[in-house]
Amino acid sequence: FLDSSLFKEHWTKQNYKDELLLNPFAKIFIYYVDDKPVGYIDFM
């Protein structure tokens, strides 16, 4: 949801599953405001 709202070229749900399950170096933090996800960072 965040990715498709933010970027022209966005990743699919599967891309994120692969990122988290197959890339042992990947970390993702999501920022919430009032329980609503409003931002994130994906890094390694």
ModelCIF file with pLDDT and N, C-alpha, C, O atoms, coordinates in Angstrom:
data_MODEL
#
_entry.id   MODEL 
#
_entity.id                         1 
_entity.type                       polymer 
_entity.pdbx_number_of_molecules   1 
#
_entity_poly.entity_id                      1 
_entity_poly.type                           'polypeptide(L)' 
_entity_poly.nstd_linkage                   no 
_entity_poly.nstd_monomer                   no 
_entity_poly.pdbx_seq_one_letter_code       FLDSSLFKEHWTKQNYKDELLLNPFAKIFIYYVDDKPVGYIDFM 
_entity_poly.pdbx_seq_one_letter_code_can   FLDSSLFKEHWTKQNYKDELLLNPFAKIFIYYVDDKPVGYIDFM 
_entity_poly.pdbx_strand_id                 A 
#
loop_
_entity_poly_seq.entity_id 
_entity_poly_seq.num 
_entity_poly_seq.mon_id 
_entity_poly_seq.hetero 
1 1  PHE n 
1 2  LEU n 
1 3  ASP n 
1 4  SER n 
1 5  SER n 
1 6  LEU n 
1 7  PHE n 
1 8  LYS n 
1 9  GLU n 
1 10 HIS n 
1 11 TRP n 
1 12 THR n 
1 13 LYS n 
1 14 GLN n 
1 15 ASN n 
1 16 TYR n 
1 17 LYS n 
1 18 ASP n 
1 19 GLU n 
1 20 LEU n 
1 21 LEU n 
1 22 LEU n 
1 23 ASN n 
1 24 PRO n 
1 25 PHE n 
1 26 ALA n 
1 27 LYS n 
1 28 ILE n 
1 29 PHE n 
1 30 ILE n 
1 31 TYR n 
1 32 TYR n 
1 33 VAL n 
1 34 ASP n 
1 35 ASP n 
1 36 LYS n 
1 37 PRO n 
1 38 VAL n 
1 39 GLY n 
1 40 TYR n 
1 41 ILE n 
1 42 ASP n 
1 43 PHE n 
1 44 MET n 
#
_struct_asym.id          A 
_struct_asym.entity_id   1 
#
loop_
_ma_qa_metric.id 
_ma_qa_metric.mode 
_ma_qa_metric.name 
_ma_qa_metric.software_group_id 
_ma_qa_metric.type 
1 global pLDDT . pLDDT 
2 local  pLDDT . pLDDT 
#
_ma_qa_metric_global.metric_id      1 
_ma_qa_metric_global.metric_value   90.55 
_ma_qa_metric_global.model_id       1 
_ma_qa_metric_global.ordinal_id     1 
#
loop_
_ma_qa_metric_local.label_asym_id 
_ma_qa_metric_local.label_comp_id 
_ma_qa_metric_local.label_seq_id 
_ma_qa_metric_local.metric_id 
_ma_qa_metric_local.metric_value 
_ma_qa_metric_local.model_id 
_ma_qa_metric_local.ordinal_id 
A PHE 1  2 87.00 1 1  
A LEU 2  2 92.00 1 2  
A ASP 3  2 88.00 1 3  
A SER 4  2 87.00 1 4  
A SER 5  2 90.00 1 5  
A LEU 6  2 91.00 1 6  
A PHE 7  2 88.00 1 7  
A LYS 8  2 82.00 1 8  
A GLU 9  2 81.00 1 9  
A HIS 10 2 80.00 1 10 
A TRP 11 2 85.00 1 11 
A THR 12 2 83.00 1 12 
A LYS 13 2 84.00 1 13 
A GLN 14 2 86.00 1 14 
A ASN 15 2 86.00 1 15 
A TYR 16 2 85.00 1 16 
A LYS 17 2 86.00 1 17 
A ASP 18 2 88.00 1 18 
A GLU 19 2 86.00 1 19 
A LEU 20 2 86.00 1 20 
A LEU 21 2 88.00 1 21 
A LEU 22 2 89.00 1 22 
A ASN 23 2 89.00 1 23 
A PRO 24 2 90.00 1 24 
A PHE 25 2 92.00 1 25 
A ALA 26 2 93.00 1 26 
A LYS 27 2 94.00 1 27 
A ILE 28 2 94.00 1 28 
A PHE 29 2 96.00 1 29 
A ILE 30 2 95.00 1 30 
A TYR 31 2 97.00 1 31 
A TYR 32 2 97.00 1 32 
A VAL 33 2 96.00 1 33 
A ASP 34 2 95.00 1 34 
A ASP 35 2 94.00 1 35 
A LYS 36 2 95.00 1 36 
A PRO 37 2 96.00 1 37 
A VAL 38 2 97.00 1 38 
A GLY 39 2 96.00 1 39 
A TYR 40 2 96.00 1 40 
A ILE 41 2 97.00 1 41 
A ASP 42 2 95.00 1 42 
A PHE 43 2 97.00 1 43 
A MET 44 2 95.00 1 44 
#
loop_
_atom_site.group_PDB 
_atom_site.id 
_atom_site.type_symbol 
_atom_site.label_atom_id 
_atom_site.label_alt_id 
_atom_site.label_comp_id 
_atom_site.label_asym_id 
_atom_site.label_entity_id 
_atom_site.label_seq_id 
_atom_site.pdbx_PDB_ins_code 
_atom_site.Cartn_x 
_atom_site.Cartn_y 
_atom_site.Cartn_z 
_atom_site.occupancy 
_atom_site.B_iso_or_equiv 
_atom_site.pdbx_formal_charge 
_atom_site.auth_seq_id 
_atom_site.auth_comp_id 
_atom_site.auth_asym_id 
_atom_site.auth_atom_id 
_atom_site.pdbx_PDB_model_num 
ATOM 1   N N  . PHE A 1 1  ? 0.833  -1.205  0.000   1.00 87.00 ? 1  PHE A N  1 
ATOM 2   C CA . PHE A 1 1  ? 0.000  0.000   0.000   1.00 87.00 ? 1  PHE A CA 1 
ATOM 3   C C  . PHE A 1 1  ? 0.863  1.250   0.000   1.00 87.00 ? 1  PHE A C  1 
ATOM 4   O O  . PHE A 1 1  ? 0.678  2.143   -0.827  1.00 87.00 ? 1  PHE A O  1 
ATOM 5   N N  . LEU A 1 2  ? 1.814  1.310   0.936   1.00 92.00 ? 2  LEU A N  1 
ATOM 6   C CA . LEU A 1 2  ? 2.688  2.483   1.015   1.00 92.00 ? 2  LEU A CA 1 
ATOM 7   C C  . LEU A 1 2  ? 3.476  2.651   -0.281  1.00 92.00 ? 2  LEU A C  1 
ATOM 8   O O  . LEU A 1 2  ? 3.560  3.749   -0.831  1.00 92.00 ? 2  LEU A O  1 
ATOM 9   N N  . ASP A 1 3  ? 4.046  1.561   -0.756  1.00 88.00 ? 3  ASP A N  1 
ATOM 10  C CA . ASP A 1 3  ? 4.888  1.603   -1.948  1.00 88.00 ? 3  ASP A CA 1 
ATOM 11  C C  . ASP A 1 3  ? 4.111  2.102   -3.165  1.00 88.00 ? 3  ASP A C  1 
ATOM 12  O O  . ASP A 1 3  ? 4.597  2.959   -3.903  1.00 88.00 ? 3  ASP A O  1 
ATOM 13  N N  . SER A 1 4  ? 2.918  1.575   -3.374  1.00 87.00 ? 4  SER A N  1 
ATOM 14  C CA . SER A 1 4  ? 2.134  1.982   -4.540  1.00 87.00 ? 4  SER A CA 1 
ATOM 15  C C  . SER A 1 4  ? 1.643  3.421   -4.405  1.00 87.00 ? 4  SER A C  1 
ATOM 16  O O  . SER A 1 4  ? 1.381  4.083   -5.409  1.00 87.00 ? 4  SER A O  1 
ATOM 17  N N  . SER A 1 5  ? 1.515  3.912   -3.164  1.00 90.00 ? 5  SER A N  1 
ATOM 18  C CA . SER A 1 5  ? 1.109  5.296   -2.935  1.00 90.00 ? 5  SER A CA 1 
ATOM 19  C C  . SER A 1 5  ? 2.259  6.275   -3.133  1.00 90.00 ? 5  SER A C  1 
ATOM 20  O O  . SER A 1 5  ? 2.035  7.466   -3.352  1.00 90.00 ? 5  SER A O  1 
ATOM 21  N N  . LEU A 1 6  ? 3.489  5.774   -3.056  1.00 91.00 ? 6  LEU A N  1 
ATOM 22  C CA . LEU A 1 6  ? 4.652  6.658   -3.031  1.00 91.00 ? 6  LEU A CA 1 
ATOM 23  C C  . LEU A 1 6  ? 5.490  6.672   -4.309  1.00 91.00 ? 6  LEU A C  1 
ATOM 24  O O  . LEU A 1 6  ? 6.079  7.701   -4.641  1.00 91.00 ? 6  LEU A O  1 
ATOM 25  N N  . PHE A 1 7  ? 5.555  5.558   -5.029  1.00 88.00 ? 7  PHE A N  1 
ATOM 26  C CA . PHE A 1 7  ? 6.530  5.442   -6.102  1.00 88.00 ? 7  PHE A CA 1 
ATOM 27  C C  . PHE A 1 7  ? 5.896  5.093   -7.437  1.00 88.00 ? 7  PHE A C  1 
ATOM 28  O O  . PHE A 1 7  ? 4.916  4.350   -7.500  1.00 88.00 ? 7  PHE A O  1 
ATOM 29  N N  . LYS A 1 8  ? 6.472  5.643   -8.511  1.00 82.00 ? 8  LYS A N  1 
ATOM 30  C CA . LYS A 1 8  ? 6.030  5.307   -9.870  1.00 82.00 ? 8  LYS A CA 1 
ATOM 31  C C  . LYS A 1 8  ? 6.229  3.828   -10.147 1.00 82.00 ? 8  LYS A C  1 
ATOM 32  O O  . LYS A 1 8  ? 5.324  3.151   -10.634 1.00 82.00 ? 8  LYS A O  1 
ATOM 33  N N  . GLU A 1 9  ? 7.408  3.335   -9.835  1.00 81.00 ? 9  GLU A N  1 
ATOM 34  C CA . GLU A 1 9  ? 7.726  1.915   -9.996  1.00 81.00 ? 9  GLU A CA 1 
ATOM 35  C C  . GLU A 1 9  ? 7.646  1.274   -8.625  1.00 81.00 ? 9  GLU A C  1 
ATOM 36  O O  . GLU A 1 9  ? 8.564  1.401   -7.814  1.00 81.00 ? 9  GLU A O  1 
ATOM 37  N N  . HIS A 1 10 ? 6.551  0.588   -8.373  1.00 80.00 ? 10 HIS A N  1 
ATOM 38  C CA . HIS A 1 10 ? 6.405  0.020   -7.032  1.00 80.00 ? 10 HIS A CA 1 
ATOM 39  C C  . HIS A 1 10 ? 6.523  -1.501  -7.060  1.00 80.00 ? 10 HIS A C  1 
ATOM 40  O O  . HIS A 1 10 ? 6.330  -2.164  -8.079  1.00 80.00 ? 10 HIS A O  1 
ATOM 41  N N  . TRP A 1 11 ? 6.852  -2.002  -5.882  1.00 85.00 ? 11 TRP A N  1 
ATOM 42  C CA . TRP A 1 11 ? 7.033  -3.431  -5.708  1.00 85.00 ? 11 TRP A CA 1 
ATOM 43  C C  . TRP A 1 11 ? 5.682  -4.080  -5.406  1.00 85.00 ? 11 TRP A C  1 
ATOM 44  O O  . TRP A 1 11 ? 4.764  -3.434  -4.900  1.00 85.00 ? 11 TRP A O  1 
ATOM 45  N N  . THR A 1 12 ? 5.586  -5.350  -5.722  1.00 83.00 ? 12 THR A N  1 
ATOM 46  C CA . THR A 1 12 ? 4.391  -6.118  -5.402  1.00 83.00 ? 12 THR A CA 1 
ATOM 47  C C  . THR A 1 12 ? 4.520  -6.686  -3.989  1.00 83.00 ? 12 THR A C  1 
ATOM 48  O O  . THR A 1 12 ? 5.573  -6.615  -3.356  1.00 83.00 ? 12 THR A O  1 
ATOM 49  N N  . LYS A 1 13 ? 3.423  -7.243  -3.530  1.00 84.00 ? 13 LYS A N  1 
ATOM 50  C CA . LYS A 1 13 ? 3.431  -7.919  -2.227  1.00 84.00 ? 13 LYS A CA 1 
ATOM 51  C C  . LYS A 1 13 ? 4.489  -9.032  -2.228  1.00 84.00 ? 13 LYS A C  1 
ATOM 52  O O  . LYS A 1 13 ? 5.182  -9.244  -1.233  1.00 84.00 ? 13 LYS A O  1 
ATOM 53  N N  . GLN A 1 14 ? 4.600  -9.736  -3.358  1.00 86.00 ? 14 GLN A N  1 
ATOM 54  C CA . GLN A 1 14 ? 5.587  -10.813 -3.479  1.00 86.00 ? 14 GLN A CA 1 
ATOM 55  C C  . GLN A 1 14 ? 7.014  -10.270 -3.408  1.00 86.00 ? 14 GLN A C  1 
ATOM 56  O O  . GLN A 1 14 ? 7.886  -10.896 -2.806  1.00 86.00 ? 14 GLN A O  1 
ATOM 57  N N  . ASN A 1 15 ? 7.256  -9.105  -4.021  1.00 86.00 ? 15 ASN A N  1 
ATOM 58  C CA . ASN A 1 15 ? 8.584  -8.498  -3.947  1.00 86.00 ? 15 ASN A CA 1 
ATOM 59  C C  . ASN A 1 15 ? 8.986  -8.264  -2.491  1.00 86.00 ? 15 ASN A C  1 
ATOM 60  O O  . ASN A 1 15 ? 10.131 -8.506  -2.109  1.00 86.00 ? 15 ASN A O  1 
ATOM 61  N N  . TYR A 1 16 ? 8.037  -7.793  -1.685  1.00 85.00 ? 16 TYR A N  1 
ATOM 62  C CA . TYR A 1 16 ? 8.347  -7.546  -0.274  1.00 85.00 ? 16 TYR A CA 1 
ATOM 63  C C  . TYR A 1 16 ? 8.530  -8.846  0.501   1.00 85.00 ? 16 TYR A C  1 
ATOM 64  O O  . TYR A 1 16 ? 9.381  -8.923  1.387   1.00 85.00 ? 16 TYR A O  1 
ATOM 65  N N  . LYS A 1 17 ? 7.751  -9.853  0.183   1.00 86.00 ? 17 LYS A N  1 
ATOM 66  C CA . LYS A 1 17 ? 7.961  -11.164 0.826   1.00 86.00 ? 17 LYS A CA 1 
ATOM 67  C C  . LYS A 1 17 ? 9.360  -11.665 0.514   1.00 86.00 ? 17 LYS A C  1 
ATOM 68  O O  . LYS A 1 17 ? 10.078 -12.127 1.401   1.00 86.00 ? 17 LYS A O  1 
ATOM 69  N N  . ASP A 1 18 ? 9.743  -11.568 -0.754  1.00 88.00 ? 18 ASP A N  1 
ATOM 70  C CA . ASP A 1 18 ? 11.088 -12.001 -1.153  1.00 88.00 ? 18 ASP A CA 1 
ATOM 71  C C  . ASP A 1 18 ? 12.155 -11.178 -0.434  1.00 88.00 ? 18 ASP A C  1 
ATOM 72  O O  . ASP A 1 18 ? 13.157 -11.722 0.029   1.00 88.00 ? 18 ASP A O  1 
ATOM 73  N N  . GLU A 1 19 ? 11.939 -9.876  -0.343  1.00 86.00 ? 19 GLU A N  1 
ATOM 74  C CA . GLU A 1 19 ? 12.905 -9.004  0.319   1.00 86.00 ? 19 GLU A CA 1 
ATOM 75  C C  . GLU A 1 19 ? 13.124 -9.442  1.766   1.00 86.00 ? 19 GLU A C  1 
ATOM 76  O O  . GLU A 1 19 ? 14.259 -9.517  2.237   1.00 86.00 ? 19 GLU A O  1 
ATOM 77  N N  . LEU A 1 20 ? 12.039 -9.726  2.452   1.00 86.00 ? 20 LEU A N  1 
ATOM 78  C CA . LEU A 1 20 ? 12.142 -10.066 3.868   1.00 86.00 ? 20 LEU A CA 1 
ATOM 79  C C  . LEU A 1 20 ? 12.555 -11.515 4.117   1.00 86.00 ? 20 LEU A C  1 
ATOM 80  O O  . LEU A 1 20 ? 13.240 -11.805 5.098   1.00 86.00 ? 20 LEU A O  1 
ATOM 81  N N  . LEU A 1 21 ? 12.146 -12.418 3.244   1.00 88.00 ? 21 LEU A N  1 
ATOM 82  C CA . LEU A 1 21 ? 12.438 -13.835 3.468   1.00 88.00 ? 21 LEU A CA 1 
ATOM 83  C C  . LEU A 1 21 ? 13.729 -14.304 2.809   1.00 88.00 ? 21 LEU A C  1 
ATOM 84  O O  . LEU A 1 21 ? 14.401 -15.193 3.333   1.00 88.00 ? 21 LEU A O  1 
ATOM 85  N N  . LEU A 1 22 ? 14.082 -13.724 1.677   1.00 89.00 ? 22 LEU A N  1 
ATOM 86  C CA . LEU A 1 22 ? 15.235 -14.212 0.918   1.00 89.00 ? 22 LEU A CA 1 
ATOM 87  C C  . LEU A 1 22 ? 16.492 -13.350 1.070   1.00 89.00 ? 22 LEU A C  1 
ATOM 88  O O  . LEU A 1 22 ? 17.598 -13.811 0.786   1.00 89.00 ? 22 LEU A O  1 
ATOM 89  N N  . ASN A 1 23 ? 16.327 -12.117 1.511   1.00 89.00 ? 23 ASN A N  1 
ATOM 90  C CA . ASN A 1 23 ? 17.477 -11.235 1.683   1.00 89.00 ? 23 ASN A CA 1 
ATOM 91  C C  . ASN A 1 23 ? 17.797 -11.126 3.173   1.00 89.00 ? 23 ASN A C  1 
ATOM 92  O O  . ASN A 1 23 ? 17.136 -10.373 3.888   1.00 89.00 ? 23 ASN A O  1 
ATOM 93  N N  . PRO A 1 24 ? 18.789 -11.859 3.647   1.00 90.00 ? 24 PRO A N  1 
ATOM 94  C CA . PRO A 1 24 ? 19.079 -11.862 5.082   1.00 90.00 ? 24 PRO A CA 1 
ATOM 95  C C  . PRO A 1 24 ? 19.599 -10.516 5.597   1.00 90.00 ? 24 PRO A C  1 
ATOM 96  O O  . PRO A 1 24 ? 19.680 -10.310 6.808   1.00 90.00 ? 24 PRO A O  1 
ATOM 97  N N  . PHE A 1 25 ? 19.947 -9.612  4.699   1.00 92.00 ? 25 PHE A N  1 
ATOM 98  C CA . PHE A 1 25 ? 20.487 -8.317  5.112   1.00 92.00 ? 25 PHE A CA 1 
ATOM 99  C C  . PHE A 1 25 ? 19.418 -7.225  5.172   1.00 92.00 ? 25 PHE A C  1 
ATOM 100 O O  . PHE A 1 25 ? 19.667 -6.148  5.714   1.00 92.00 ? 25 PHE A O  1 
ATOM 101 N N  . ALA A 1 26 ? 18.243 -7.489  4.626   1.00 93.00 ? 26 ALA A N  1 
ATOM 102 C CA . ALA A 1 26 ? 17.195 -6.474  4.535   1.00 93.00 ? 26 ALA A CA 1 
ATOM 103 C C  . ALA A 1 26 ? 16.539 -6.213  5.886   1.00 93.00 ? 26 ALA A C  1 
ATOM 104 O O  . ALA A 1 26 ? 16.292 -7.126  6.673   1.00 93.00 ? 26 ALA A O  1 
ATOM 105 N N  . LYS A 1 27 ? 16.268 -4.936  6.121   1.00 94.00 ? 27 LYS A N  1 
ATOM 106 C CA . LYS A 1 27 ? 15.511 -4.513  7.294   1.00 94.00 ? 27 LYS A CA 1 
ATOM 107 C C  . LYS A 1 27 ? 14.510 -3.473  6.828   1.00 94.00 ? 27 LYS A C  1 
ATOM 108 O O  . LYS A 1 27 ? 14.814 -2.644  5.970   1.00 94.00 ? 27 LYS A O  1 
ATOM 109 N N  . ILE A 1 28 ? 13.321 -3.523  7.397   1.00 94.00 ? 28 ILE A N  1 
ATOM 110 C CA . ILE A 1 28 ? 12.286 -2.557  7.050   1.00 94.00 ? 28 ILE A CA 1 
ATOM 111 C C  . ILE A 1 28 ? 11.674 -2.015  8.337   1.00 94.00 ? 28 ILE A C  1 
ATOM 112 O O  . ILE A 1 28 ? 11.295 -2.773  9.229   1.00 94.00 ? 28 ILE A O  1 
ATOM 113 N N  . PHE A 1 29 ? 11.583 -0.690  8.416   1.00 96.00 ? 29 PHE A N  1 
ATOM 114 C CA . PHE A 1 29 ? 10.901 -0.035  9.521   1.00 96.00 ? 29 PHE A CA 1 
ATOM 115 C C  . PHE A 1 29 ? 9.727  0.743   8.952   1.00 96.00 ? 29 PHE A C  1 
ATOM 116 O O  . PHE A 1 29 ? 9.864  1.448   7.952   1.00 96.00 ? 29 PHE A O  1 
ATOM 117 N N  . ILE A 1 30 ? 8.577  0.613   9.591   1.00 95.00 ? 30 ILE A N  1 
ATOM 118 C CA . ILE A 1 30 ? 7.370  1.329   9.186   1.00 95.00 ? 30 ILE A CA 1 
ATOM 119 C C  . ILE A 1 30 ? 7.045  2.353   10.272  1.00 95.00 ? 30 ILE A C  1 
ATOM 120 O O  . ILE A 1 30 ? 7.102  2.049   11.463  1.00 95.00 ? 30 ILE A O  1 
ATOM 121 N N  . TYR A 1 31 ? 6.704  3.569   9.847   1.00 97.00 ? 31 TYR A N  1 
ATOM 122 C CA . TYR A 1 31 ? 6.354  4.638   10.777  1.00 97.00 ? 31 TYR A CA 1 
ATOM 123 C C  . TYR A 1 31 ? 4.831  4.777   10.798  1.00 97.00 ? 31 TYR A C  1 
ATOM 124 O O  . TYR A 1 31 ? 4.191  4.883   9.752   1.00 97.00 ? 31 TYR A O  1 
ATOM 125 N N  . TYR A 1 32 ? 4.264  4.775   11.998  1.00 97.00 ? 32 TYR A N  1 
ATOM 126 C CA . TYR A 1 32 ? 2.814  4.873   12.169  1.00 97.00 ? 32 TYR A CA 1 
ATOM 127 C C  . TYR A 1 32 ? 2.444  6.178   12.864  1.00 97.00 ? 32 TYR A C  1 
ATOM 128 O O  . TYR A 1 32 ? 3.157  6.659   13.744  1.00 97.00 ? 32 TYR A O  1 
ATOM 129 N N  . VAL A 1 33 ? 1.318  6.734   12.448  1.00 96.00 ? 33 VAL A N  1 
ATOM 130 C CA . VAL A 1 33 ? 0.700  7.860   13.148  1.00 96.00 ? 33 VAL A CA 1 
ATOM 131 C C  . VAL A 1 33 ? -0.721 7.419   13.456  1.00 96.00 ? 33 VAL A C  1 
ATOM 132 O O  . VAL A 1 33 ? -1.493 7.118   12.545  1.00 96.00 ? 33 VAL A O  1 
ATOM 133 N N  . ASP A 1 34 ? -1.070 7.379   14.743  1.00 95.00 ? 34 ASP A N  1 
ATOM 134 C CA . ASP A 1 34 ? -2.402 6.926   15.159  1.00 95.00 ? 34 ASP A CA 1 
ATOM 135 C C  . ASP A 1 34 ? -2.764 5.585   14.521  1.00 95.00 ? 34 ASP A C  1 
ATOM 136 O O  . ASP A 1 34 ? -3.857 5.427   13.976  1.00 95.00 ? 34 ASP A O  1 
ATOM 137 N N  . ASP A 1 35 ? -1.862 4.638   14.587  1.00 94.00 ? 35 ASP A N  1 
ATOM 138 C CA . ASP A 1 35 ? -2.050 3.276   14.054  1.00 94.00 ? 35 ASP A CA 1 
ATOM 139 C C  . ASP A 1 35 ? -2.176 3.217   12.535  1.00 94.00 ? 35 ASP A C  1 
ATOM 140 O O  . ASP A 1 35 ? -2.528 2.171   11.989  1.00 94.00 ? 35 ASP A O  1 
ATOM 141 N N  . LYS A 1 36 ? -1.894 4.317   11.846  1.00 95.00 ? 36 LYS A N  1 
ATOM 142 C CA . LYS A 1 36 ? -1.941 4.340   10.380  1.00 95.00 ? 36 LYS A CA 1 
ATOM 143 C C  . LYS A 1 36 ? -0.508 4.351   9.853   1.00 95.00 ? 36 LYS A C  1 
ATOM 144 O O  . LYS A 1 36 ? 0.290  5.197   10.257  1.00 95.00 ? 36 LYS A O  1 
ATOM 145 N N  . PRO A 1 37 ? -0.171 3.421   8.954   1.00 96.00 ? 37 PRO A N  1 
ATOM 146 C CA . PRO A 1 37 ? 1.184  3.448   8.371   1.00 96.00 ? 37 PRO A CA 1 
ATOM 147 C C  . PRO A 1 37 ? 1.314  4.626   7.416   1.00 96.00 ? 37 PRO A C  1 
ATOM 148 O O  . PRO A 1 37 ? 0.528  4.767   6.478   1.00 96.00 ? 37 PRO A O  1 
ATOM 149 N N  . VAL A 1 38 ? 2.320  5.479   7.663   1.00 97.00 ? 38 VAL A N  1 
ATOM 150 C CA . VAL A 1 38 ? 2.473  6.684   6.843   1.00 97.00 ? 38 VAL A CA 1 
ATOM 151 C C  . VAL A 1 38 ? 3.835  6.787   6.156   1.00 97.00 ? 38 VAL A C  1 
ATOM 152 O O  . VAL A 1 38 ? 4.031  7.641   5.292   1.00 97.00 ? 38 VAL A O  1 
ATOM 153 N N  . GLY A 1 39 ? 4.767  5.928   6.534   1.00 96.00 ? 39 GLY A N  1 
ATOM 154 C CA . GLY A 1 39 ? 6.086  5.969   5.917   1.00 96.00 ? 39 GLY A CA 1 
ATOM 155 C C  . GLY A 1 39 ? 6.873  4.723   6.254   1.00 96.00 ? 39 GLY A C  1 
ATOM 156 O O  . GLY A 1 39 ? 6.528  3.961   7.158   1.00 96.00 ? 39 GLY A O  1 
ATOM 157 N N  . TYR A 1 40 ? 7.954  4.538   5.489   1.00 96.00 ? 40 TYR A N  1 
ATOM 158 C CA . TYR A 1 40 ? 8.797  3.379   5.767   1.00 96.00 ? 40 TYR A CA 1 
ATOM 159 C C  . TYR A 1 40 ? 10.179 3.561   5.148   1.00 96.00 ? 40 TYR A C  1 
ATOM 160 O O  . TYR A 1 40 ? 10.400 4.405   4.279   1.00 96.00 ? 40 TYR A O  1 
ATOM 161 N N  . ILE A 1 41 ? 11.088 2.738   5.632   1.00 97.00 ? 41 ILE A N  1 
ATOM 162 C CA . ILE A 1 41 ? 12.434 2.666   5.071   1.00 97.00 ? 41 ILE A CA 1 
ATOM 163 C C  . ILE A 1 41 ? 12.794 1.186   4.933   1.00 97.00 ? 41 ILE A C  1 
ATOM 164 O O  . ILE A 1 41 ? 12.571 0.385   5.840   1.00 97.00 ? 41 ILE A O  1 
ATOM 165 N N  . ASP A 1 42 ? 13.349 0.854   3.786   1.00 95.00 ? 42 ASP A N  1 
ATOM 166 C CA . ASP A 1 42 ? 13.813 -0.500  3.478   1.00 95.00 ? 42 ASP A CA 1 
ATOM 167 C C  . ASP A 1 42 ? 15.302 -0.344  3.156   1.00 95.00 ? 42 ASP A C  1 
ATOM 168 O O  . ASP A 1 42 ? 15.669 0.388   2.238   1.00 95.00 ? 42 ASP A O  1 
ATOM 169 N N  . PHE A 1 43 ? 16.149 -1.032  3.911   1.00 97.00 ? 43 PHE A N  1 
ATOM 170 C CA . PHE A 1 43 ? 17.585 -0.881  3.728   1.00 97.00 ? 43 PHE A CA 1 
ATOM 171 C C  . PHE A 1 43 ? 18.301 -2.185  4.034   1.00 97.00 ? 43 PHE A C  1 
ATOM 172 O O  . PHE A 1 43 ? 17.715 -3.125  4.569   1.00 97.00 ? 43 PHE A O  1 
ATOM 173 N N  . MET A 1 44 ? 19.556 -2.221  3.689   1.00 95.00 ? 44 MET A N  1 
ATOM 174 C CA . MET A 1 44 ? 20.385 -3.369  4.051   1.00 95.00 ? 44 MET A CA 1 
ATOM 175 C C  . MET A 1 44 ? 21.797 -2.886  4.354   1.00 95.00 ? 44 MET A C  1 
ATOM 176 O O  . MET A 1 44 ? 22.668 -3.691  4.683   1.00 95.00 ? 44 MET A O  1 
#
